[in-house]
Amino acid sequence: MKISTHLVSAPLHTPFVTALRTATHADSLLVEISDGELSGWGEAPQVWKVTGESLAGAQACVAGPIAAALDGIGPDDLTEALRRVQNAAVGNFGAKGAVDVALHDLAARRRGQTLHGFLGSTVDTVPTDVTLSAGDADALAAAARDRVADGFDVLKVKVGTGDAAADVARVRRIREAVGPGPRLRLDANQGWTRRGAVNAIRALEDCDLELVEQPVPADDLEGMAWVTDRVSTPILADESVYGVRDLVAVIRHGAADMVNVKLAKCGGLGPARTLLELAREHGIRSIVGSMMEGPVGVGAAAALVSAYPTSAVNDLDAAWWLKESPVVGGIRYDGALIHLPAAPGLGVTGLTV
């Protein structure tokens, strides 16, 4: 098998603002694995403020230890190839995830199956939420109305910007703007203190919040458990969980009611399936999320959701933010619905540039 990498930077149609950063482009490393006739694709996004991994680092990991680990293995030996990828290096979950997905994609194409079909599903549409970037109350209210008009009925609001009282006012303004129908979920991106989180969540529970994501710093599991015990709104762990050990720690601490599984955090489809199954066995609800990435990464996550249903609407709007796609083919958005391709694998046939 031949492994190639491609650096892409896709502009967003609207700046994406969170408590951690402001993004105007989705920067990714696309990994292409070829058997000489067919190619499988995977994606490693660059998210400095979350994973700490760079595109240069991911590219070096793919071209170095991962390529060496896969040397001599055939394209049909998927199980062994995936094992070698995970053992090739410590960390580097984005790089591992991209290669894991590319190997799955290639295997599906060689069998003439869609990726979701290869994973065992015939469901070809997956609903997603949509994120409202951090901003002032009026701008958020206007954006919320626009997104509802676009067909989205689950709105994810970025909070945790340092002023909990202002966060409360913004969320109330959004609820007033869209009425009682759309579901509201909050994502603090680790931006609150434990006491500030409890005060803010309690102040907003009459707004019928669906969940609150990562209210406190990722390594403060005791703090997150303290918050979880004191509010009725479900708490979703995101940055606190990369792999199995992290989820086990969350479970032991009683730190969260739910977990957000992301391919670029855990290392691909194989580890993601393990996390979803572990969560289900322990009564932890789940969603699958995405970083700021394109149709390749989001398409793989949507295929996973198709085959491994989660407990709530998933957070897969990342590629919706792109002004133009860096690849030909793949998923398609229709309001809140992601349409999975009917073509083999991820349906991606090449780069647009």
Protein backbone atom coordinates (compact mmCIF):
# COMPACT_ATOMS: atom_id res chain seq x y z
CA MET A 1 0.00 0.00 0.00
CA LYS A 2 1.14 3.52 -0.77
CA ILE A 3 0.54 6.28 1.80
CA SER A 4 0.36 9.92 0.67
CA THR A 5 -0.48 13.08 2.58
CA HIS A 6 -2.06 16.35 1.43
CA LEU A 7 -2.21 19.61 3.38
CA VAL A 8 -5.47 21.51 2.88
CA SER A 9 -6.83 24.79 4.24
CA ALA A 10 -10.52 25.35 3.54
CA PRO A 11 -12.04 28.79 4.24
CA LEU A 12 -15.12 29.03 6.45
CA HIS A 13 -18.17 30.99 5.35
CA THR A 14 -18.38 32.49 8.88
CA PRO A 15 -15.66 32.79 11.57
CA PHE A 16 -15.98 30.07 14.21
CA VAL A 17 -15.48 31.54 17.70
CA THR A 18 -15.19 29.57 20.96
CA ALA A 19 -13.81 30.22 24.44
CA LEU A 20 -10.53 28.72 23.21
CA ARG A 21 -9.99 30.22 19.74
CA THR A 22 -11.28 31.93 16.61
CA ALA A 23 -11.03 30.03 13.32
CA THR A 24 -11.45 31.35 9.79
CA HIS A 25 -10.15 28.22 8.03
CA ALA A 26 -10.29 24.48 8.61
CA ASP A 27 -6.70 23.27 8.35
CA SER A 28 -6.27 19.53 7.89
CA LEU A 29 -3.94 16.80 6.78
CA LEU A 30 -5.67 14.44 4.35
CA VAL A 31 -4.21 10.94 4.25
CA GLU A 32 -4.58 8.85 1.10
CA ILE A 33 -3.82 5.12 1.12
CA SER A 34 -3.76 3.40 -2.27
CA ASP A 35 -3.65 -0.24 -3.31
CA GLY A 36 -2.58 0.79 -6.83
CA GLU A 37 -6.13 1.11 -8.15
CA LEU A 38 -8.32 2.42 -5.35
CA SER A 39 -7.66 5.01 -2.64
CA GLY A 40 -8.98 5.35 0.88
CA TRP A 41 -9.06 8.74 2.60
CA GLY A 42 -8.72 9.96 6.18
CA GLU A 43 -8.38 13.36 7.84
CA ALA A 44 -6.34 14.77 10.72
CA PRO A 45 -7.50 18.29 11.67
CA GLN A 46 -5.20 20.80 13.31
CA VAL A 47 -6.63 21.92 16.64
CA TRP A 48 -3.81 23.42 18.72
CA LYS A 49 -6.03 24.42 21.64
CA VAL A 50 -7.65 21.00 22.09
CA THR A 51 -5.34 18.16 21.09
CA GLY A 52 -2.06 20.09 20.88
CA GLU A 53 -1.29 18.25 17.64
CA SER A 54 -0.04 20.08 14.55
CA LEU A 55 -0.33 19.24 10.88
CA ALA A 56 3.45 19.00 10.66
CA GLY A 57 3.50 16.55 13.54
CA ALA A 58 0.68 14.48 12.07
CA GLN A 59 2.40 14.40 8.69
CA ALA A 60 5.67 13.30 10.27
CA CYS A 61 3.91 10.58 12.26
CA VAL A 62 2.10 9.24 9.19
CA ALA A 63 5.20 9.30 7.00
CA GLY A 64 7.46 7.93 9.75
CA PRO A 65 6.40 5.38 12.37
CA ILE A 66 2.93 4.62 10.96
CA ALA A 67 4.19 4.03 7.42
CA ALA A 68 6.99 1.86 8.81
CA ALA A 69 4.50 -0.16 10.87
CA LEU A 70 2.35 -0.81 7.79
CA ASP A 71 5.28 -1.78 5.56
CA GLY A 72 4.66 -5.15 3.93
CA ILE A 73 1.05 -5.56 5.05
CA GLY A 74 -1.69 -6.16 2.47
CA PRO A 75 -4.80 -4.01 2.02
CA ASP A 76 -7.15 -6.82 3.05
CA ASP A 77 -5.54 -7.48 6.43
CA LEU A 78 -7.52 -4.71 8.11
CA THR A 79 -7.46 -5.99 11.68
CA GLU A 80 -3.68 -6.34 11.79
CA ALA A 81 -3.18 -3.02 10.00
CA LEU A 82 -5.34 -1.21 12.55
CA ARG A 83 -3.47 -2.85 15.43
CA ARG A 84 -0.15 -1.73 14.01
CA VAL A 85 -1.37 1.84 13.55
CA GLN A 86 -2.42 2.14 17.19
CA ASN A 87 0.90 0.69 18.39
CA ALA A 88 3.10 2.75 16.06
CA ALA A 89 3.47 5.77 18.35
CA VAL A 90 2.38 7.24 21.65
CA GLY A 91 -0.37 9.85 21.35
CA ASN A 92 -0.69 11.34 17.85
CA PHE A 93 -4.40 10.49 17.85
CA GLY A 94 -5.18 12.72 14.87
CA ALA A 95 -2.60 10.99 12.68
CA LYS A 96 -3.71 7.55 13.87
CA GLY A 97 -7.34 8.48 13.30
CA ALA A 98 -6.69 9.63 9.74
CA VAL A 99 -4.86 6.42 8.83
CA ASP A 100 -7.46 4.26 10.62
CA VAL A 101 -10.25 5.90 8.60
CA ALA A 102 -8.30 5.67 5.34
CA LEU A 103 -7.76 1.94 5.90
CA HIS A 104 -11.48 1.43 6.61
CA ASP A 105 -12.36 3.50 3.55
CA LEU A 106 -10.05 1.49 1.31
CA ALA A 107 -11.37 -1.82 2.69
CA ALA A 108 -14.96 -0.72 1.99
CA ARG A 109 -14.09 0.40 -1.55
CA ARG A 110 -12.35 -2.92 -2.30
CA ARG A 111 -15.62 -4.64 -1.41
CA GLY A 112 -17.74 -2.19 -3.35
CA GLN A 113 -19.51 -1.04 -0.18
CA THR A 114 -20.22 2.34 1.35
CA LEU A 115 -18.31 2.94 4.55
CA HIS A 116 -21.49 2.86 6.62
CA GLY A 117 -22.50 -0.33 4.83
CA PHE A 118 -19.09 -1.83 5.57
CA LEU A 119 -19.66 -0.98 9.25
CA GLY A 120 -23.00 -2.81 9.12
CA SER A 121 -25.62 -0.13 8.48
CA THR A 122 -28.16 0.68 5.77
CA VAL A 123 -29.07 4.08 7.31
CA ASP A 124 -27.90 6.78 4.91
CA THR A 125 -28.93 9.98 6.75
CA VAL A 126 -27.70 11.26 10.09
CA PRO A 127 -29.02 14.38 11.88
CA THR A 128 -26.66 16.94 13.40
CA ASP A 129 -26.83 19.96 15.64
CA VAL A 130 -25.34 23.29 14.59
CA THR A 131 -23.04 25.49 16.65
CA LEU A 132 -23.59 29.17 17.37
CA SER A 133 -20.21 30.85 17.69
CA ALA A 134 -19.51 32.92 20.78
CA GLY A 135 -20.69 36.53 20.42
CA ASP A 136 -22.91 39.19 21.94
CA ALA A 137 -26.54 38.47 22.78
CA ASP A 138 -28.09 40.19 19.77
CA ALA A 139 -25.73 38.53 17.28
CA LEU A 140 -26.37 35.12 18.83
CA ALA A 141 -30.12 35.62 18.78
CA ALA A 142 -30.01 36.56 15.10
CA ALA A 143 -27.75 33.60 14.27
CA ALA A 144 -30.07 31.26 16.18
CA ARG A 145 -33.09 32.42 14.19
CA ASP A 146 -31.13 31.98 10.96
CA ARG A 147 -30.07 28.45 11.85
CA VAL A 148 -33.63 27.45 12.75
CA ALA A 149 -34.73 28.86 9.39
CA ASP A 150 -32.00 26.72 7.79
CA GLY A 151 -33.66 23.61 9.23
CA PHE A 152 -31.65 22.98 12.41
CA ASP A 153 -33.60 22.14 15.57
CA VAL A 154 -30.67 21.46 17.94
CA LEU A 155 -28.53 24.52 18.65
CA LYS A 156 -25.17 24.29 20.40
CA VAL A 157 -24.22 27.53 22.14
CA LYS A 158 -20.59 28.36 22.90
CA VAL A 159 -20.26 29.77 26.41
CA GLY A 160 -17.47 29.82 29.00
CA THR A 161 -15.97 33.06 27.72
CA GLY A 162 -15.03 34.28 31.22
CA ASP A 163 -18.22 36.05 32.25
CA ALA A 164 -20.79 33.55 33.49
CA ALA A 165 -23.45 36.22 34.02
CA ALA A 166 -23.05 37.36 30.41
CA ASP A 167 -23.25 33.72 29.29
CA VAL A 168 -26.57 33.37 31.12
CA ALA A 169 -27.92 36.54 29.48
CA ARG A 170 -26.86 35.33 26.02
CA VAL A 171 -28.52 31.96 26.41
CA ARG A 172 -31.75 33.55 27.69
CA ARG A 173 -31.73 35.88 24.69
CA ILE A 174 -31.36 32.92 22.34
CA ARG A 175 -34.23 31.04 23.97
CA GLU A 176 -36.43 34.12 23.67
CA ALA A 177 -35.47 34.48 20.01
CA VAL A 178 -36.22 30.89 18.92
CA GLY A 179 -39.04 29.99 21.29
CA PRO A 180 -39.53 26.68 23.13
CA GLY A 181 -39.18 24.32 20.17
CA PRO A 182 -35.46 24.04 19.33
CA ARG A 183 -33.25 22.18 21.76
CA LEU A 184 -30.40 24.17 23.33
CA ARG A 185 -27.14 22.60 24.43
CA LEU A 186 -24.22 24.56 25.89
CA ASP A 187 -20.48 24.03 25.40
CA ALA A 188 -18.22 25.83 27.86
CA ASN A 189 -14.97 24.39 26.40
CA GLN A 190 -13.51 24.17 29.95
CA GLY A 191 -14.18 27.88 30.48
CA TRP A 192 -16.02 27.91 33.84
CA THR A 193 -14.95 27.28 37.40
CA ARG A 194 -16.87 24.54 39.15
CA ARG A 195 -18.85 27.03 41.26
CA GLY A 196 -19.44 29.32 38.29
CA ALA A 197 -20.67 26.34 36.26
CA VAL A 198 -23.20 25.34 38.91
CA ASN A 199 -24.47 28.90 39.30
CA ALA A 200 -24.82 29.40 35.53
CA ILE A 201 -26.47 26.05 34.86
CA ARG A 202 -28.94 26.45 37.71
CA ALA A 203 -29.80 29.93 36.47
CA LEU A 204 -30.60 28.50 33.02
CA GLU A 205 -32.40 25.27 33.82
CA ASP A 206 -35.77 26.93 33.24
CA CYS A 207 -34.59 27.43 29.64
CA ASP A 208 -34.88 23.65 29.16
CA LEU A 209 -31.22 22.89 28.43
CA GLU A 210 -30.55 19.54 26.79
CA LEU A 211 -26.98 19.22 28.12
CA VAL A 212 -23.88 21.18 29.11
CA GLU A 213 -20.55 20.13 27.59
CA GLN A 214 -17.21 20.26 29.41
CA PRO A 215 -18.05 22.99 31.95
CA VAL A 216 -14.68 22.85 33.77
CA PRO A 217 -11.04 22.09 32.87
CA ALA A 218 -10.46 18.67 31.37
CA ASP A 219 -8.22 17.38 34.16
CA ASP A 220 -10.59 18.44 36.96
CA LEU A 221 -12.70 15.29 37.15
CA GLU A 222 -13.47 15.91 40.80
CA GLY A 223 -14.71 19.37 39.87
CA MET A 224 -16.85 18.01 37.04
CA ALA A 225 -18.31 15.39 39.38
CA TRP A 226 -19.06 18.20 41.86
CA VAL A 227 -20.95 20.05 39.12
CA THR A 228 -22.75 16.91 37.92
CA ASP A 229 -24.01 16.19 41.45
CA ARG A 230 -25.43 19.70 41.86
CA VAL A 231 -27.38 20.28 38.65
CA SER A 232 -30.22 18.44 36.96
CA THR A 233 -28.99 19.18 33.41
CA PRO A 234 -26.89 16.30 31.96
CA ILE A 235 -23.15 16.98 31.83
CA LEU A 236 -21.23 15.88 28.74
CA ALA A 237 -17.49 15.10 28.94
CA ASP A 238 -15.50 16.10 25.85
CA GLU A 239 -11.90 17.24 26.35
CA SER A 240 -11.71 15.01 29.44
CA VAL A 241 -11.97 11.86 27.31
CA TYR A 242 -9.51 10.80 24.64
CA GLY A 243 -9.29 7.06 25.15
CA VAL A 244 -10.53 4.15 27.23
CA ARG A 245 -8.52 5.04 30.34
CA ASP A 246 -10.01 8.53 30.34
CA LEU A 247 -13.56 7.23 30.03
CA VAL A 248 -12.93 4.71 32.81
CA ALA A 249 -11.73 7.58 35.03
CA VAL A 250 -14.85 9.61 34.22
CA ILE A 251 -17.03 6.62 35.09
CA ARG A 252 -15.19 5.96 38.38
CA HIS A 253 -15.47 9.61 39.44
CA GLY A 254 -19.11 9.86 38.39
CA ALA A 255 -17.89 12.95 36.57
CA ALA A 256 -20.38 13.08 33.69
CA ASP A 257 -23.66 11.71 32.42
CA MET A 258 -22.55 11.63 28.78
CA VAL A 259 -19.41 11.42 26.64
CA ASN A 260 -18.50 13.07 23.33
CA VAL A 261 -16.47 10.66 21.16
CA LYS A 262 -14.34 12.22 18.41
CA LEU A 263 -12.24 10.30 15.91
CA ALA A 264 -9.36 12.79 16.03
CA LYS A 265 -9.24 12.53 19.83
CA CYS A 266 -9.40 8.75 20.21
CA GLY A 267 -7.51 7.58 17.13
CA GLY A 268 -10.12 6.48 14.60
CA LEU A 269 -13.13 4.28 14.02
CA GLY A 270 -11.77 1.27 15.91
CA PRO A 271 -11.13 3.07 19.21
CA ALA A 272 -14.36 5.07 18.80
CA ARG A 273 -16.44 1.91 18.61
CA THR A 274 -14.77 0.68 21.79
CA LEU A 275 -15.58 3.93 23.61
CA LEU A 276 -19.21 3.87 22.49
CA GLU A 277 -19.62 0.29 23.61
CA LEU A 278 -17.92 0.94 26.96
CA ALA A 279 -20.14 3.95 27.58
CA ARG A 280 -23.27 1.96 26.75
CA GLU A 281 -22.27 -0.86 29.10
CA HIS A 282 -21.88 1.59 31.99
CA GLY A 283 -25.03 3.60 31.38
CA ILE A 284 -23.16 6.64 30.04
CA ARG A 285 -25.00 8.28 27.18
CA SER A 286 -23.04 9.36 24.12
CA ILE A 287 -22.74 11.56 21.08
CA VAL A 288 -20.16 11.58 18.30
CA GLY A 289 -18.57 14.94 17.59
CA SER A 290 -16.08 16.52 15.22
CA MET A 291 -13.26 19.00 15.34
CA MET A 292 -13.12 21.83 12.79
CA GLU A 293 -12.66 19.46 9.87
CA GLY A 294 -14.01 18.71 6.42
CA PRO A 295 -16.13 16.11 4.63
CA VAL A 296 -13.63 13.30 5.07
CA GLY A 297 -13.47 13.46 8.86
CA VAL A 298 -17.15 14.31 9.30
CA GLY A 299 -18.15 11.68 6.75
CA ALA A 300 -16.33 8.99 8.71
CA ALA A 301 -17.95 10.13 11.96
CA ALA A 302 -21.39 10.14 10.32
CA ALA A 303 -20.80 6.61 8.98
CA LEU A 304 -19.91 5.52 12.52
CA VAL A 305 -23.11 7.04 13.90
CA SER A 306 -25.13 5.32 11.18
CA ALA A 307 -23.84 1.95 12.36
CA TYR A 308 -23.50 2.69 16.09
CA PRO A 309 -26.48 4.87 17.10
CA THR A 310 -25.82 7.29 19.94
CA SER A 311 -28.04 8.65 22.70
CA ALA A 312 -28.61 12.16 21.32
CA VAL A 313 -28.28 14.15 18.11
CA ASN A 314 -24.62 14.25 17.17
CA ASP A 315 -22.31 17.23 16.76
CA LEU A 316 -21.27 16.88 13.11
CA ASP A 317 -21.79 20.32 11.61
CA ALA A 318 -18.06 21.07 11.10
CA ALA A 319 -18.06 20.58 7.32
CA TRP A 320 -21.24 22.70 7.04
CA TRP A 321 -19.09 25.73 7.96
CA LEU A 322 -16.86 25.32 4.90
CA LYS A 323 -17.27 27.86 2.11
CA GLU A 324 -16.10 25.20 -0.33
CA SER A 325 -15.07 21.58 0.00
CA PRO A 326 -11.42 20.56 -0.44
CA VAL A 327 -12.52 17.18 -1.89
CA VAL A 328 -14.74 15.89 -4.68
CA GLY A 329 -17.67 13.81 -3.46
CA GLY A 330 -18.52 12.76 0.06
CA ILE A 331 -21.31 13.82 2.40
CA ARG A 332 -24.01 16.40 1.66
CA TYR A 333 -25.90 18.64 4.12
CA ASP A 334 -29.62 19.28 3.79
CA GLY A 335 -30.56 21.42 6.76
CA ALA A 336 -29.87 19.31 9.83
CA LEU A 337 -29.55 16.09 7.84
CA ILE A 338 -26.24 14.71 6.62
CA HIS A 339 -26.69 12.52 3.55
CA LEU A 340 -24.12 9.75 3.35
CA PRO A 341 -22.89 8.95 -0.16
CA ALA A 342 -24.12 5.99 -2.18
CA ALA A 343 -20.67 5.58 -3.78
CA PRO A 344 -18.18 3.13 -2.25
CA GLY A 345 -16.33 4.07 0.91
CA LEU A 346 -16.60 7.71 1.88
CA GLY A 347 -17.55 8.61 -1.69
CA VAL A 348 -14.53 10.90 -2.05
CA THR A 349 -12.85 10.70 -5.46
CA GLY A 350 -10.06 13.26 -5.11
CA LEU A 351 -9.06 16.79 -4.21
CA THR A 352 -10.70 19.89 -5.64
CA VAL A 353 -7.33 21.61 -6.04
